[in-house]
C-alpha atoms as a PDB file:
ATOM      1  CA  GLN A   1      11.842   4.571 -19.254  1.00  0.00           C
ATOM      2  CA  VAL A   2       8.110   3.914 -19.439  1.00  0.00           C
ATOM      3  CA  GLN A   3       5.714   6.820 -19.807  1.00  0.00           C
ATOM      4  CA  LEU A   4       2.008   6.534 -19.047  1.00  0.00           C
ATOM      5  CA  VAL A   5      -0.720   8.953 -20.129  1.00  0.00           C
ATOM      6  CA  GLU A   6      -4.289   8.570 -18.893  1.00  0.00           C
ATOM      7  CA  SER A   7      -7.544   9.798 -20.374  1.00  0.00           C
ATOM      8  CA  GLY A   8     -11.279   9.257 -20.048  1.00  0.00           C
ATOM      9  CA  GLY A   9     -12.006  10.775 -16.658  1.00  0.00           C
ATOM     10  CA  GLY A  10     -14.927  13.080 -16.101  1.00  0.00           C
ATOM     11  CA  LEU A  11     -18.245  13.658 -14.387  1.00  0.00           C
ATOM     12  CA  VAL A  12     -20.915  10.973 -14.443  1.00  0.00           C
ATOM     13  CA  GLN A  13     -24.138  10.308 -12.561  1.00  0.00           C
ATOM     14  CA  ALA A  14     -24.501   7.393 -10.193  1.00  0.00           C
ATOM     15  CA  GLY A  15     -25.279   4.220 -12.101  1.00  0.00           C
ATOM     16  CA  GLY A  16     -23.473   5.428 -15.191  1.00  0.00           C
ATOM     17  CA  SER A  17     -20.313   4.207 -16.873  1.00  0.00           C
ATOM     18  CA  LEU A  18     -16.887   5.502 -17.826  1.00  0.00           C
ATOM     19  CA  ARG A  19     -13.959   3.963 -19.655  1.00  0.00           C
ATOM     20  CA  LEU A  20     -10.469   5.046 -18.656  1.00  0.00           C
ATOM     21  CA  SER A  21      -7.566   4.606 -21.059  1.00  0.00           C
ATOM     22  CA  CYS A  22      -3.835   4.587 -20.460  1.00  0.00           C
ATOM     23  CA  ALA A  23      -1.269   4.800 -23.249  1.00  0.00           C
ATOM     24  CA  ALA A  24       2.207   3.439 -22.566  1.00  0.00           C
ATOM     25  CA  SER A  25       5.333   4.535 -24.400  1.00  0.00           C
ATOM     26  CA  GLY A  26       9.068   4.103 -24.068  1.00  0.00           C
ATOM     27  CA  ARG A  27      10.383   0.674 -23.124  1.00  0.00           C
ATOM     28  CA  THR A  28       6.992  -0.994 -23.304  1.00  0.00           C
ATOM     29  CA  PHE A  29       8.573  -4.315 -24.254  1.00  0.00           C
ATOM     30  CA  SER A  30       9.715  -4.691 -20.649  1.00  0.00           C
ATOM     31  CA  ILE A  31       6.257  -4.347 -19.044  1.00  0.00           C
ATOM     32  CA  SER A  32       5.216  -7.367 -17.006  1.00  0.00           C
ATOM     33  CA  ARG A  33       1.892  -6.105 -15.594  1.00  0.00           C
ATOM     34  CA  VAL A  34      -0.294  -3.011 -15.537  1.00  0.00           C
ATOM     35  CA  GLY A  35      -2.709  -1.770 -12.930  1.00  0.00           C
ATOM     36  CA  TRP A  36      -5.106   0.928 -11.814  1.00  0.00           C
ATOM     37  CA  PHE A  37      -5.150   2.781  -8.504  1.00  0.00           C
ATOM     38  CA  ARG A  38      -7.391   5.472  -7.074  1.00  0.00           C
ATOM     39  CA  GLN A  39      -7.168   7.975  -4.253  1.00  0.00           C
ATOM     40  CA  ALA A  40     -10.048   9.947  -2.800  1.00  0.00           C
ATOM     41  CA  PRO A  41      -9.633  13.002  -0.557  1.00  0.00           C
ATOM     42  CA  GLY A  42      -8.787  11.972   2.981  1.00  0.00           C
ATOM     43  CA  LYS A  43      -8.321   8.315   2.053  1.00  0.00           C
ATOM     44  CA  GLU A  44      -5.321   6.148   1.339  1.00  0.00           C
ATOM     45  CA  ARG A  45      -4.495   5.069  -2.166  1.00  0.00           C
ATOM     46  CA  GLU A  46      -6.482   1.984  -3.173  1.00  0.00           C
ATOM     47  CA  TYR A  47      -5.293  -0.771  -5.485  1.00  0.00           C
ATOM     48  CA  VAL A  48      -8.233  -1.178  -7.871  1.00  0.00           C
ATOM     49  CA  ALA A  49      -7.273  -3.699 -10.540  1.00  0.00           C
ATOM     50  CA  ALA A  50      -4.346  -5.269 -12.362  1.00  0.00           C
ATOM     51  CA  ILE A  51      -3.618  -7.536 -15.298  1.00  0.00           C
ATOM     52  CA  ARG A  52      -0.595  -9.434 -16.544  1.00  0.00           C
ATOM     53  CA  TRP A  53       0.805  -8.125 -19.812  1.00  0.00           C
ATOM     54  CA  SER A  54       1.459 -11.524 -21.378  1.00  0.00           C
ATOM     55  CA  ILE A  55      -1.122 -13.701 -19.617  1.00  0.00           C
ATOM     56  CA  TRP A  56      -4.777 -12.779 -19.127  1.00  0.00           C
ATOM     57  CA  SER A  57      -4.654 -13.015 -15.338  1.00  0.00           C
ATOM     58  CA  THR A  58      -6.464 -10.299 -13.371  1.00  0.00           C
ATOM     59  CA  PHE A  59      -6.888  -8.877  -9.885  1.00  0.00           C
ATOM     60  CA  TYR A  60      -9.742  -6.736  -8.557  1.00  0.00           C
ATOM     61  CA  ALA A  61     -10.347  -5.020  -5.260  1.00  0.00           C
ATOM     62  CA  ASP A  62     -13.474  -6.197  -3.466  1.00  0.00           C
ATOM     63  CA  SER A  63     -14.923  -2.692  -3.742  1.00  0.00           C
ATOM     64  CA  VAL A  64     -15.042  -2.854  -7.556  1.00  0.00           C
ATOM     65  CA  LYS A  65     -15.366  -6.567  -8.265  1.00  0.00           C
ATOM     66  CA  GLY A  66     -18.245  -7.248 -10.636  1.00  0.00           C
ATOM     67  CA  ARG A  67     -18.491  -3.594 -11.710  1.00  0.00           C
ATOM     68  CA  PHE A  68     -15.052  -2.758 -13.136  1.00  0.00           C
ATOM     69  CA  THR A  69     -13.158  -4.592 -15.862  1.00  0.00           C
ATOM     70  CA  ILE A  70      -9.482  -4.161 -16.673  1.00  0.00           C
ATOM     71  CA  SER A  71      -8.243  -4.952 -20.163  1.00  0.00           C
ATOM     72  CA  LYS A  72      -5.278  -4.344 -22.437  1.00  0.00           C
ATOM     73  CA  ASP A  73      -4.156  -4.199 -26.045  1.00  0.00           C
ATOM     74  CA  ASN A  74      -0.549  -5.323 -26.263  1.00  0.00           C
ATOM     75  CA  THR A  75      -0.216  -4.355 -29.915  1.00  0.00           C
ATOM     76  CA  LYS A  76      -1.241  -0.756 -29.213  1.00  0.00           C
ATOM     77  CA  ASN A  77       0.408  -0.571 -25.766  1.00  0.00           C
ATOM     78  CA  MET A  78      -2.907   0.471 -24.271  1.00  0.00           C
ATOM     79  CA  MET A  79      -4.664  -0.453 -21.041  1.00  0.00           C
ATOM     80  CA  TYR A  80      -8.242   0.255 -20.034  1.00  0.00           C
ATOM     81  CA  LEU A  81     -10.542   0.313 -17.056  1.00  0.00           C
ATOM     82  CA  GLN A  82     -14.229  -0.084 -17.867  1.00  0.00           C
ATOM     83  CA  MET A  83     -16.267   1.209 -14.929  1.00  0.00           C
ATOM     84  CA  ASN A  84     -19.957   0.327 -14.746  1.00  0.00           C
ATOM     85  CA  SER A  85     -22.625   0.915 -12.108  1.00  0.00           C
ATOM     86  CA  LEU A  86     -20.626   3.805 -10.721  1.00  0.00           C
ATOM     87  CA  ARG A  87     -21.288   5.012  -7.198  1.00  0.00           C
ATOM     88  CA  PRO A  88     -20.454   8.322  -5.501  1.00  0.00           C
ATOM     89  CA  GLU A  89     -17.883   6.452  -3.419  1.00  0.00           C
ATOM     90  CA  ASP A  90     -15.984   5.729  -6.642  1.00  0.00           C
ATOM     91  CA  THR A  91     -15.111   9.426  -6.879  1.00  0.00           C
ATOM     92  CA  ALA A  92     -11.324   9.713  -6.864  1.00  0.00           C
ATOM     93  CA  VAL A  93      -8.245  10.471  -8.892  1.00  0.00           C
ATOM     94  CA  TYR A  94      -7.440   7.339 -10.888  1.00  0.00           C
ATOM     95  CA  TYR A  95      -3.866   6.407 -11.766  1.00  0.00           C
ATOM     96  CA  CYS A  96      -2.526   3.811 -14.159  1.00  0.00           C
ATOM     97  CA  ALA A  97       0.723   2.046 -13.370  1.00  0.00           C
ATOM     98  CA  ALA A  98       3.159  -0.312 -15.055  1.00  0.00           C
ATOM     99  CA  ASP A  99       5.673  -2.723 -13.592  1.00  0.00           C
ATOM    100  CA  VAL A 100       8.750  -4.264 -15.196  1.00  0.00           C
ATOM    101  CA  ARG A 101       9.691  -6.520 -12.292  1.00  0.00           C
ATOM    102  CA  PRO A 102       8.437 -10.052 -11.570  1.00  0.00           C
ATOM    103  CA  ARG A 103       6.196  -9.081  -8.650  1.00  0.00           C
ATOM    104  CA  ILE A 104       3.050 -10.971  -7.747  1.00  0.00           C
ATOM    105  CA  LEU A 105      -0.144  -9.574  -9.245  1.00  0.00           C
ATOM    106  CA  THR A 106      -1.522  -8.423  -5.893  1.00  0.00           C
ATOM    107  CA  SER A 107       1.556  -6.364  -4.986  1.00  0.00           C
ATOM    108  CA  PRO A 108       0.820  -2.600  -4.878  1.00  0.00           C
ATOM    109  CA  ASP A 109       4.425  -1.738  -5.764  1.00  0.00           C
ATOM    110  CA  TYR A 110       4.892  -0.521  -9.338  1.00  0.00           C
ATOM    111  CA  ASP A 111       7.798   1.034 -11.209  1.00  0.00           C
ATOM    112  CA  TYR A 112       5.982   3.652 -13.292  1.00  0.00           C
ATOM    113  CA  TRP A 113       2.917   5.824 -12.803  1.00  0.00           C
ATOM    114  CA  GLY A 114       0.653   8.034 -14.835  1.00  0.00           C
ATOM    115  CA  GLN A 115      -0.334  11.562 -13.856  1.00  0.00           C
ATOM    116  CA  GLY A 116      -3.868  10.677 -12.784  1.00  0.00           C
ATOM    117  CA  THR A 117      -7.318  11.528 -14.089  1.00  0.00           C
ATOM    118  CA  GLN A 118     -10.276  12.764 -12.052  1.00  0.00           C
ATOM    119  CA  VAL A 119     -13.452  10.709 -11.889  1.00  0.00           C
ATOM    120  CA  THR A 120     -16.432  12.318 -10.176  1.00  0.00           C
ATOM    121  CA  VAL A 121     -19.679  10.418  -9.609  1.00  0.00           C
ATOM    122  CA  SER A 122     -22.654  12.533  -8.599  1.00  0.00           C
ATOM    123  CA  SER A 123     -25.581  11.324  -6.505  1.00  0.00           C
END
């Protein structure tokens, strides 16, 4: 019902920046919030950031607060994650997600998920 396609992952040196993009299609009119997750080898999935679709209200994990910025373009059905001051510990597969239900912003439960994009930060 909602399809998500990510792009922008790659290899970057520590201290560098990357911008991830996620394009939503399908029943985008029903989206209530969008978010970003990441999962590194041997670690549990981490809820990185989220933003309301209609109201500019955001959530950030403590591990990325002050370095990452989530944003959106409702007209283009696009969401972004600007990642600055990257560290090797940020290396992970990053997933975008969309929710159509009235869950609180900090809830890690989402209805739809992208395929993931690899981000590798070298020392």
